């Protein structure tokens, strides 16, 4: 296990909600979660696509999945303060 650098301090903050989205046919998913244990914050972000091609009917679902992925990436962040 790697040692954490001592030069960073992570003050109390509100963790983002866990988000899990699955395409209707279960051919793709998006998962985001933040957890904190003692002074360690773990951020998990995962996008999975099981198919290499999607039908035109599934396009709106794929589009929505990626819109959510971009929204999560743009609005979920941690601010670390240097001590």
PDB file of N, CA and C in Angstrom:
ATOM      1  N   UNK A   1       0.836  -1.176   0.000  1.00  0.00           N
ATOM      2  CA  UNK A   1       0.000   0.000   0.000  1.00  0.00           C
ATOM      3  C   UNK A   1       0.887   1.247   0.000  1.00  0.00           C
ATOM      4  N   UNK A   2       0.543   2.191  -0.878  1.00  0.00           N
ATOM      5  CA  UNK A   2       1.314   3.423  -0.964  1.00  0.00           C
ATOM      6  C   UNK A   2       1.010   4.323   0.228  1.00  0.00           C
ATOM      7  N   UNK A   3       2.019   5.027   0.685  1.00  0.00           N
ATOM      8  CA  UNK A   3       1.809   5.987   1.758  1.00  0.00           C
ATOM      9  C   UNK A   3       1.227   7.260   1.178  1.00  0.00           C
ATOM     10  N   UNK A   4       0.315   7.851   1.917  1.00  0.00           N
ATOM     11  CA  UNK A   4      -0.275   9.117   1.489  1.00  0.00           C
ATOM     12  C   UNK A   4       0.698  10.249   1.741  1.00  0.00           C
ATOM     13  N   UNK A   5       0.771  11.200   0.832  1.00  0.00           N
ATOM     14  CA  UNK A   5       1.648  12.340   1.084  1.00  0.00           C
ATOM     15  C   UNK A   5       1.135  13.140   2.270  1.00  0.00           C
ATOM     16  N   UNK A   6       2.037  13.606   3.107  1.00  0.00           N
ATOM     17  CA  UNK A   6       1.651  14.346   4.305  1.00  0.00           C
ATOM     18  C   UNK A   6       1.389  15.817   4.022  1.00  0.00           C
ATOM     19  N   UNK A   7       1.720  16.279   2.823  1.00  0.00           N
ATOM     20  CA  UNK A   7       1.593  17.697   2.536  1.00  0.00           C
ATOM     21  C   UNK A   7       0.178  18.127   2.155  1.00  0.00           C
ATOM     22  N   UNK A   8      -0.744  17.166   1.992  1.00  0.00           N
ATOM     23  CA  UNK A   8      -2.107  17.517   1.621  1.00  0.00           C
ATOM     24  C   UNK A   8      -3.056  17.285   2.792  1.00  0.00           C
ATOM     25  N   UNK A   9      -4.023  18.150   2.907  1.00  0.00           N
ATOM     26  CA  UNK A   9      -5.010  18.076   3.976  1.00  0.00           C
ATOM     27  C   UNK A   9      -6.387  18.061   3.341  1.00  0.00           C
ATOM     28  N   UNK A  10      -7.208  17.163   3.743  1.00  0.00           N
ATOM     29  CA  UNK A  10      -8.557  17.066   3.195  1.00  0.00           C
ATOM     30  C   UNK A  10      -9.549  17.417   4.305  1.00  0.00           C
ATOM     31  N   UNK A  11     -10.074  18.654   4.299  1.00  0.00           N
ATOM     32  CA  UNK A  11     -11.009  19.057   5.345  1.00  0.00           C
ATOM     33  C   UNK A  11     -12.352  18.344   5.189  1.00  0.00           C
ATOM     34  N   UNK A  12     -13.237  18.553   6.142  1.00  0.00           N
ATOM     35  CA  UNK A  12     -14.564  17.953   6.058  1.00  0.00           C
ATOM     36  C   UNK A  12     -15.286  18.514   4.838  1.00  0.00           C
ATOM     37  N   UNK A  13     -15.967  17.663   4.128  1.00  0.00           N
ATOM     38  CA  UNK A  13     -16.721  18.081   2.959  1.00  0.00           C
ATOM     39  C   UNK A  13     -17.860  17.104   2.748  1.00  0.00           C
ATOM     40  N   UNK A  14     -18.808  17.506   1.933  1.00  0.00           N
ATOM     41  CA  UNK A  14     -19.959  16.664   1.656  1.00  0.00           C
ATOM     42  C   UNK A  14     -19.648  15.769   0.463  1.00  0.00           C
ATOM     43  N   UNK A  15     -19.834  14.477   0.622  1.00  0.00           N
ATOM     44  CA  UNK A  15     -19.593  13.531  -0.466  1.00  0.00           C
ATOM     45  C   UNK A  15     -20.765  13.552  -1.440  1.00  0.00           C
ATOM     46  N   UNK A  16     -20.466  13.345  -2.709  1.00  0.00           N
ATOM     47  CA  UNK A  16     -21.504  13.259  -3.732  1.00  0.00           C
ATOM     48  C   UNK A  16     -22.314  11.980  -3.542  1.00  0.00           C
ATOM     49  N   UNK A  17     -23.543  12.008  -4.037  1.00  0.00           N
ATOM     50  CA  UNK A  17     -24.390  10.818  -3.969  1.00  0.00           C
ATOM     51  C   UNK A  17     -23.879   9.755  -4.939  1.00  0.00           C
ATOM     52  N   UNK A  18     -24.150   8.515  -4.610  1.00  0.00           N
ATOM     53  CA  UNK A  18     -23.821   7.418  -5.514  1.00  0.00           C
ATOM     54  C   UNK A  18     -24.824   7.419  -6.665  1.00  0.00           C
ATOM     55  N   UNK A  19     -24.312   7.276  -7.882  1.00  0.00           N
ATOM     56  CA  UNK A  19     -25.154   7.277  -9.075  1.00  0.00           C
ATOM     57  C   UNK A  19     -24.890   5.986  -9.837  1.00  0.00           C
ATOM     58  N   UNK A  20     -25.956   5.309 -10.231  1.00  0.00           N
ATOM     59  CA  UNK A  20     -25.823   4.102 -11.052  1.00  0.00           C
ATOM     60  C   UNK A  20     -26.924   4.140 -12.101  1.00  0.00           C
ATOM     61  N   UNK A  21     -26.524   4.144 -13.356  1.00  0.00           N
ATOM     62  CA  UNK A  21     -27.463   4.138 -14.473  1.00  0.00           C
ATOM     63  C   UNK A  21     -27.182   2.920 -15.339  1.00  0.00           C
ATOM     64  N   UNK A  22     -28.240   2.268 -15.799  1.00  0.00           N
ATOM     65  CA  UNK A  22     -28.095   1.090 -16.653  1.00  0.00           C
ATOM     66  C   UNK A  22     -28.992   1.285 -17.872  1.00  0.00           C
ATOM     67  N   UNK A  23     -28.468   0.975 -19.056  1.00  0.00           N
ATOM     68  CA  UNK A  23     -29.276   1.054 -20.272  1.00  0.00           C
ATOM     69  C   UNK A  23     -30.404   0.028 -20.192  1.00  0.00           C
ATOM     70  N   UNK A  24     -31.554   0.307 -20.832  1.00  0.00           N
ATOM     71  CA  UNK A  24     -32.707  -0.599 -20.732  1.00  0.00           C
ATOM     72  C   UNK A  24     -32.399  -2.051 -21.099  1.00  0.00           C
ATOM     73  N   UNK A  25     -31.550  -2.282 -22.078  1.00  0.00           N
ATOM     74  CA  UNK A  25     -31.236  -3.659 -22.467  1.00  0.00           C
ATOM     75  C   UNK A  25     -29.993  -4.197 -21.751  1.00  0.00           C
ATOM     76  N   UNK A  26     -29.538  -3.471 -20.757  1.00  0.00           N
ATOM     77  CA  UNK A  26     -28.364  -3.827 -19.945  1.00  0.00           C
ATOM     78  C   UNK A  26     -27.086  -3.967 -20.775  1.00  0.00           C
ATOM     79  N   UNK A  27     -27.013  -3.236 -21.883  1.00  0.00           N
ATOM     80  CA  UNK A  27     -25.818  -3.298 -22.724  1.00  0.00           C
ATOM     81  C   UNK A  27     -24.804  -2.223 -22.360  1.00  0.00           C
ATOM     82  N   UNK A  28     -25.109  -1.458 -21.328  1.00  0.00           N
ATOM     83  CA  UNK A  28     -24.175  -0.430 -20.883  1.00  0.00           C
ATOM     84  C   UNK A  28     -24.567   0.090 -19.515  1.00  0.00           C
ATOM     85  N   UNK A  29     -23.596   0.695 -18.827  1.00  0.00           N
ATOM     86  CA  UNK A  29     -23.885   1.230 -17.497  1.00  0.00           C
ATOM     87  C   UNK A  29     -22.920   2.352 -17.148  1.00  0.00           C
ATOM     88  N   UNK A  30     -23.327   3.141 -16.177  1.00  0.00           N
ATOM     89  CA  UNK A  30     -22.528   4.239 -15.643  1.00  0.00           C
ATOM     90  C   UNK A  30     -22.623   4.160 -14.128  1.00  0.00           C
ATOM     91  N   UNK A  31     -21.483   4.239 -13.459  1.00  0.00           N
ATOM     92  CA  UNK A  31     -21.485   4.192 -12.003  1.00  0.00           C
ATOM     93  C   UNK A  31     -20.507   5.217 -11.462  1.00  0.00           C
ATOM     94  N   UNK A  32     -20.951   5.964 -10.443  1.00  0.00           N
ATOM     95  CA  UNK A  32     -20.119   6.966  -9.791  1.00  0.00           C
ATOM     96  C   UNK A  32     -20.377   6.888  -8.295  1.00  0.00           C
ATOM     97  N   UNK A  33     -19.301   6.883  -7.512  1.00  0.00           N
ATOM     98  CA  UNK A  33     -19.467   6.897  -6.058  1.00  0.00           C
ATOM     99  C   UNK A  33     -18.252   7.531  -5.399  1.00  0.00           C
ATOM    100  N   UNK A  34     -18.491   8.114  -4.245  1.00  0.00           N
ATOM    101  CA  UNK A  34     -17.427   8.680  -3.404  1.00  0.00           C
ATOM    102  C   UNK A  34     -17.591   8.093  -2.015  1.00  0.00           C
ATOM    103  N   UNK A  35     -16.503   7.656  -1.440  1.00  0.00           N
ATOM    104  CA  UNK A  35     -16.532   7.162  -0.068  1.00  0.00           C
ATOM    105  C   UNK A  35     -15.363   7.761   0.697  1.00  0.00           C
ATOM    106  N   UNK A  36     -15.545   7.878   1.993  1.00  0.00           N
ATOM    107  CA  UNK A  36     -14.480   8.400   2.845  1.00  0.00           C
ATOM    108  C   UNK A  36     -14.327   7.467   4.036  1.00  0.00           C
ATOM    109  N   UNK A  37     -13.105   7.028   4.265  1.00  0.00           N
ATOM    110  CA  UNK A  37     -12.775   6.204   5.418  1.00  0.00           C
ATOM    111  C   UNK A  37     -11.560   6.839   6.074  1.00  0.00           C
ATOM    112  N   UNK A  38     -11.742   7.343   7.261  1.00  0.00           N
ATOM    113  CA  UNK A  38     -10.711   8.090   7.981  1.00  0.00           C
ATOM    114  C   UNK A  38     -10.280   9.281   7.128  1.00  0.00           C
ATOM    115  N   UNK A  39      -9.037   9.349   6.724  1.00  0.00           N
ATOM    116  CA  UNK A  39      -8.559  10.470   5.913  1.00  0.00           C
ATOM    117  C   UNK A  39      -8.415  10.111   4.441  1.00  0.00           C
ATOM    118  N   UNK A  40      -8.973   8.986   4.031  1.00  0.00           N
ATOM    119  CA  UNK A  40      -8.832   8.537   2.648  1.00  0.00           C
ATOM    120  C   UNK A  40     -10.164   8.702   1.919  1.00  0.00           C
ATOM    121  N   UNK A  41     -10.132   9.411   0.804  1.00  0.00           N
ATOM    122  CA  UNK A  41     -11.311   9.595  -0.034  1.00  0.00           C
ATOM    123  C   UNK A  41     -11.109   8.783  -1.306  1.00  0.00           C
ATOM    124  N   UNK A  42     -12.096   7.953  -1.622  1.00  0.00           N
ATOM    125  CA  UNK A  42     -12.041   7.140  -2.829  1.00  0.00           C
ATOM    126  C   UNK A  42     -13.141   7.594  -3.778  1.00  0.00           C
ATOM    127  N   UNK A  43     -12.768   7.914  -5.006  1.00  0.00           N
ATOM    128  CA  UNK A  43     -13.720   8.306  -6.037  1.00  0.00           C
ATOM    129  C   UNK A  43     -13.699   7.222  -7.106  1.00  0.00           C
ATOM    130  N   UNK A  44     -14.878   6.691  -7.418  1.00  0.00           N
ATOM    131  CA  UNK A  44     -15.000   5.622  -8.405  1.00  0.00           C
ATOM    132  C   UNK A  44     -15.919   6.092  -9.518  1.00  0.00           C
ATOM    133  N   UNK A  45     -15.436   6.036 -10.760  1.00  0.00           N
ATOM    134  CA  UNK A  45     -16.226   6.421 -11.930  1.00  0.00           C
ATOM    135  C   UNK A  45     -16.011   5.356 -12.988  1.00  0.00           C
ATOM    136  N   UNK A  46     -17.094   4.766 -13.477  1.00  0.00           N
ATOM    137  CA  UNK A  46     -16.966   3.657 -14.420  1.00  0.00           C
ATOM    138  C   UNK A  46     -18.061   3.744 -15.481  1.00  0.00           C
ATOM    139  N   UNK A  47     -17.666   3.678 -16.733  1.00  0.00           N
ATOM    140  CA  UNK A  47     -18.605   3.606 -17.853  1.00  0.00           C
ATOM    141  C   UNK A  47     -18.309   2.310 -18.594  1.00  0.00           C
ATOM    142  N   UNK A  48     -19.336   1.496 -18.781  1.00  0.00           N
ATOM    143  CA  UNK A  48     -19.167   0.223 -19.489  1.00  0.00           C
ATOM    144  C   UNK A  48     -20.147   0.157 -20.654  1.00  0.00           C
ATOM    145  N   UNK A  49     -19.634  -0.245 -21.800  1.00  0.00           N
ATOM    146  CA  UNK A  49     -20.466  -0.520 -22.966  1.00  0.00           C
ATOM    147  C   UNK A  49     -20.156  -1.940 -23.406  1.00  0.00           C
ATOM    148  N   UNK A  50     -21.178  -2.790 -23.444  1.00  0.00           N
ATOM    149  CA  UNK A  50     -20.967  -4.200 -23.776  1.00  0.00           C
ATOM    150  C   UNK A  50     -21.063  -4.473 -25.273  1.00  0.00           C
ATOM    151  N   UNK A  51     -21.699  -3.582 -26.016  1.00  0.00           N
ATOM    152  CA  UNK A  51     -21.863  -3.786 -27.457  1.00  0.00           C
ATOM    153  C   UNK A  51     -20.914  -2.879 -28.227  1.00  0.00           C
ATOM    154  N   UNK A  52     -20.566  -3.296 -29.426  1.00  0.00           N
ATOM    155  CA  UNK A  52     -19.722  -2.456 -30.283  1.00  0.00           C
ATOM    156  C   UNK A  52     -20.570  -1.610 -31.213  1.00  0.00           C
ATOM    157  N   UNK A  53     -21.821  -2.007 -31.420  1.00  0.00           N
ATOM    158  CA  UNK A  53     -22.752  -1.248 -32.248  1.00  0.00           C
ATOM    159  C   UNK A  53     -24.094  -1.181 -31.543  1.00  0.00           C
ATOM    160  N   UNK A  54     -24.779  -0.046 -31.712  1.00  0.00           N
ATOM    161  CA  UNK A  54     -26.100   0.139 -31.124  1.00  0.00           C
ATOM    162  C   UNK A  54     -27.073   0.547 -32.221  1.00  0.00           C
ATOM    163  N   UNK A  55     -28.310   0.138 -32.077  1.00  0.00           N
ATOM    164  CA  UNK A  55     -29.331   0.476 -33.071  1.00  0.00           C
ATOM    165  C   UNK A  55     -29.711   1.948 -32.953  1.00  0.00           C
ATOM    166  N   UNK A  56     -30.393   2.439 -33.965  1.00  0.00           N
ATOM    167  CA  UNK A  56     -30.834   3.836 -33.927  1.00  0.00           C
ATOM    168  C   UNK A  56     -31.840   4.058 -32.793  1.00  0.00           C
ATOM    169  N   UNK A  57     -32.583   3.030 -32.415  1.00  0.00           N
ATOM    170  CA  UNK A  57     -33.538   3.154 -31.307  1.00  0.00           C
ATOM    171  C   UNK A  57     -32.806   3.353 -29.973  1.00  0.00           C
ATOM    172  N   UNK A  58     -31.624   2.775 -29.864  1.00  0.00           N
ATOM    173  CA  UNK A  58     -30.858   2.900 -28.628  1.00  0.00           C
ATOM    174  C   UNK A  58     -30.025   4.160 -28.533  1.00  0.00           C
ATOM    175  N   UNK A  59     -29.983   4.949 -29.613  1.00  0.00           N
ATOM    176  CA  UNK A  59     -29.142   6.148 -29.639  1.00  0.00           C
ATOM    177  C   UNK A  59     -29.486   7.121 -28.516  1.00  0.00           C
ATOM    178  N   UNK A  60     -30.770   7.370 -28.280  1.00  0.00           N
ATOM    179  CA  UNK A  60     -31.156   8.328 -27.237  1.00  0.00           C
ATOM    180  C   UNK A  60     -30.688   7.878 -25.857  1.00  0.00           C
ATOM    181  N   UNK A  61     -30.703   6.577 -25.613  1.00  0.00           N
ATOM    182  CA  UNK A  61     -30.235   6.064 -24.326  1.00  0.00           C
ATOM    183  C   UNK A  61     -28.725   6.234 -24.174  1.00  0.00           C
ATOM    184  N   UNK A  62     -27.986   5.966 -25.266  1.00  0.00           N
ATOM    185  CA  UNK A  62     -26.528   6.151 -25.241  1.00  0.00           C
ATOM    186  C   UNK A  62     -26.202   7.624 -25.040  1.00  0.00           C
ATOM    187  N   UNK A  63     -26.935   8.485 -25.753  1.00  0.00           N
ATOM    188  CA  UNK A  63     -26.715   9.932 -25.639  1.00  0.00           C
ATOM    189  C   UNK A  63     -26.951  10.390 -24.202  1.00  0.00           C
ATOM    190  N   UNK A  64     -28.035   9.933 -23.591  1.00  0.00           N
ATOM    191  CA  UNK A  64     -28.346  10.305 -22.210  1.00  0.00           C
ATOM    192  C   UNK A  64     -27.285   9.781 -21.238  1.00  0.00           C
ATOM    193  N   UNK A  65     -26.804   8.572 -21.467  1.00  0.00           N
ATOM    194  CA  UNK A  65     -25.766   8.000 -20.612  1.00  0.00           C
ATOM    195  C   UNK A  65     -24.515   8.880 -20.634  1.00  0.00           C
ATOM    196  N   UNK A  66     -24.086   9.286 -21.826  1.00  0.00           N
ATOM    197  CA  UNK A  66     -22.887  10.112 -21.930  1.00  0.00           C
ATOM    198  C   UNK A  66     -23.123  11.545 -21.459  1.00  0.00           C
ATOM    199  N   UNK A  67     -24.331  12.074 -21.629  1.00  0.00           N
ATOM    200  CA  UNK A  67     -24.641  13.393 -21.069  1.00  0.00           C
ATOM    201  C   UNK A  67     -24.517  13.356 -19.549  1.00  0.00           C
ATOM    202  N   UNK A  68     -25.001  12.278 -18.942  1.00  0.00           N
ATOM    203  CA  UNK A  68     -24.865  12.118 -17.493  1.00  0.00           C
ATOM    204  C   UNK A  68     -23.405  11.973 -17.090  1.00  0.00           C
ATOM    205  N   UNK A  69     -22.624  11.245 -17.872  1.00  0.00           N
ATOM    206  CA  UNK A  69     -21.198  11.078 -17.570  1.00  0.00           C
ATOM    207  C   UNK A  69     -20.490  12.426 -17.590  1.00  0.00           C
ATOM    208  N   UNK A  70     -20.769  13.246 -18.595  1.00  0.00           N
ATOM    209  CA  UNK A  70     -20.155  14.573 -18.687  1.00  0.00           C
ATOM    210  C   UNK A  70     -20.609  15.453 -17.528  1.00  0.00           C
ATOM    211  N   UNK A  71     -21.894  15.394 -17.194  1.00  0.00           N
ATOM    212  CA  UNK A  71     -22.418  16.192 -16.079  1.00  0.00           C
ATOM    213  C   UNK A  71     -21.737  15.810 -14.758  1.00  0.00           C
ATOM    214  N   UNK A  72     -21.585  14.526 -14.518  1.00  0.00           N
ATOM    215  CA  UNK A  72     -20.926  14.059 -13.292  1.00  0.00           C
ATOM    216  C   UNK A  72     -19.483  14.546 -13.249  1.00  0.00           C
ATOM    217  N   UNK A  73     -18.767  14.403 -14.355  1.00  0.00           N
ATOM    218  CA  UNK A  73     -17.364  14.823 -14.396  1.00  0.00           C
ATOM    219  C   UNK A  73     -17.220  16.329 -14.193  1.00  0.00           C
ATOM    220  N   UNK A  74     -18.157  17.104 -14.707  1.00  0.00           N
ATOM    221  CA  UNK A  74     -18.065  18.562 -14.587  1.00  0.00           C
ATOM    222  C   UNK A  74     -18.523  19.090 -13.235  1.00  0.00           C
ATOM    223  N   UNK A  75     -19.336  18.326 -12.513  1.00  0.00           N
ATOM    224  CA  UNK A  75     -19.928  18.837 -11.278  1.00  0.00           C
ATOM    225  C   UNK A  75     -19.522  18.093 -10.017  1.00  0.00           C
ATOM    226  N   UNK A  76     -18.651  17.140 -10.114  1.00  0.00           N
ATOM    227  CA  UNK A  76     -18.181  16.406  -8.942  1.00  0.00           C
ATOM    228  C   UNK A  76     -16.683  16.621  -8.824  1.00  0.00           C
ATOM    229  N   UNK A  77     -16.290  17.269  -7.768  1.00  0.00           N
ATOM    230  CA  UNK A  77     -14.868  17.548  -7.612  1.00  0.00           C
ATOM    231  C   UNK A  77     -14.505  17.617  -6.142  1.00  0.00           C
ATOM    232  N   UNK A  78     -13.224  17.467  -5.871  1.00  0.00           N
ATOM    233  CA  UNK A  78     -12.673  17.594  -4.531  1.00  0.00           C
ATOM    234  C   UNK A  78     -11.726  18.775  -4.531  1.00  0.00           C
ATOM    235  N   UNK A  79     -11.713  19.501  -3.452  1.00  0.00           N
ATOM    236  CA  UNK A  79     -10.761  20.596  -3.303  1.00  0.00           C
ATOM    237  C   UNK A  79      -9.794  20.206  -2.200  1.00  0.00           C
ATOM    238  N   UNK A  80      -8.540  20.111  -2.544  1.00  0.00           N
ATOM    239  CA  UNK A  80      -7.507  19.780  -1.568  1.00  0.00           C
ATOM    240  C   UNK A  80      -6.759  21.050  -1.212  1.00  0.00           C
ATOM    241  N   UNK A  81      -6.480  21.220   0.056  1.00  0.00           N
ATOM    242  CA  UNK A  81      -5.739  22.384   0.514  1.00  0.00           C
ATOM    243  C   UNK A  81      -4.335  21.964   0.902  1.00  0.00           C
ATOM    244  N   UNK A  82      -3.368  22.707   0.436  1.00  0.00           N
ATOM    245  CA  UNK A  82      -1.990  22.419   0.788  1.00  0.00           C
ATOM    246  C   UNK A  82      -1.730  22.978   2.182  1.00  0.00           C
ATOM    247  N   UNK A  83      -1.095  22.185   3.035  1.00  0.00           N
ATOM    248  CA  UNK A  83      -0.822  22.622   4.409  1.00  0.00           C
ATOM    249  C   UNK A  83       0.469  23.383   4.477  1.00  0.00           C
TER     250      UNK A  83
END
